[in-house]
Each structure stands twice: as C-alpha cells, then as structure tokens.
Amino acid sequence: MYKVTVFEKVLGKLKANIYSFDDKIEMAKFAALREADGEMVVVALNTKQKTA
C-alpha cells in the first residue's frame, strides 16, 4: 500500500489530504501530476509485505 499526502491551500488555509494506492505506478503518476500543479507531496511507502 502506498500513501500520498498532498498539502494544498484551500480558501487561504493549508489542508492535508491523504490518498491510498495499491499500484506503485498509479501512485507515482498521481504524485507527479500534483507536484506539477505546484502542490507539496509526501509519499509514504509501506515496505512490509503481508503473508497469507
């Protein structure tokens, strides 16, 4: 699971939104698009693998 926190200004206030992705490529595309829009993006990677 990959989590992306996007910090953006909404009505003059800083707001943090958290988005979760299962796919690394989709997460990277989303983060790149938000960064291109000028937003501050923090990516958290979960390196633990689940066992059955």
Protein backbone atom coordinates (compact mmCIF):
# COMPACT_ATOMS: atom_id res chain seq x y z
CA MET A 1 0.00 0.00 0.00
CA TYR A 2 1.29 3.43 -0.92
CA LYS A 3 0.03 6.58 0.75
CA VAL A 4 0.37 10.06 -0.68
CA THR A 5 -0.24 13.16 1.41
CA VAL A 6 -0.95 16.30 -0.59
CA PHE A 7 -0.73 19.68 1.11
CA GLU A 8 -2.77 22.34 -0.65
CA LYS A 9 -4.18 25.76 0.09
CA VAL A 10 -7.96 25.87 0.30
CA LEU A 11 -9.52 29.27 0.93
CA GLY A 12 -6.19 30.55 2.25
CA LYS A 13 -5.68 27.66 4.70
CA LEU A 14 -3.27 24.76 4.38
CA LYS A 15 -5.09 21.44 4.14
CA ALA A 16 -3.66 17.90 4.03
CA ASN A 17 -5.41 15.18 2.05
CA ILE A 18 -4.29 11.54 2.19
CA TYR A 19 -4.72 9.22 -0.78
CA SER A 20 -4.01 5.44 -0.81
CA PHE A 21 -2.88 3.39 -3.79
CA ASP A 22 -2.23 -0.32 -4.27
CA ASP A 23 -0.32 0.21 -7.53
CA LYS A 24 3.10 1.89 -7.44
CA ILE A 25 2.81 3.27 -11.00
CA GLU A 26 -0.61 4.85 -10.38
CA MET A 27 0.72 6.40 -7.16
CA ALA A 28 3.76 7.81 -8.97
CA LYS A 29 1.60 9.29 -11.76
CA PHE A 30 -0.74 10.89 -9.24
CA ALA A 31 2.14 12.34 -7.20
CA ALA A 32 3.83 13.73 -10.32
CA LEU A 33 0.62 15.39 -11.51
CA ARG A 34 0.01 17.02 -8.14
CA GLU A 35 3.62 18.23 -7.95
CA ALA A 36 3.27 19.68 -11.44
CA ASP A 37 0.25 21.62 -10.16
CA GLY A 38 2.51 23.18 -7.52
CA GLU A 39 1.28 21.18 -4.55
CA MET A 40 3.61 19.79 -1.88
CA VAL A 41 3.50 15.99 -1.97
CA VAL A 42 4.76 13.48 0.62
CA VAL A 43 4.88 9.79 -0.33
CA ALA A 44 4.89 7.06 2.33
CA LEU A 45 5.93 3.59 1.23
CA ASN A 46 4.89 0.51 3.17
CA THR A 47 7.78 -1.92 2.80
CA LYS A 48 6.21 -4.67 4.90
CA GLN A 49 4.72 -7.50 2.87
CA LYS A 50 1.61 -9.27 4.06
CA THR A 51 1.78 -13.02 4.48
CA ALA A 52 -1.12 -15.32 3.90
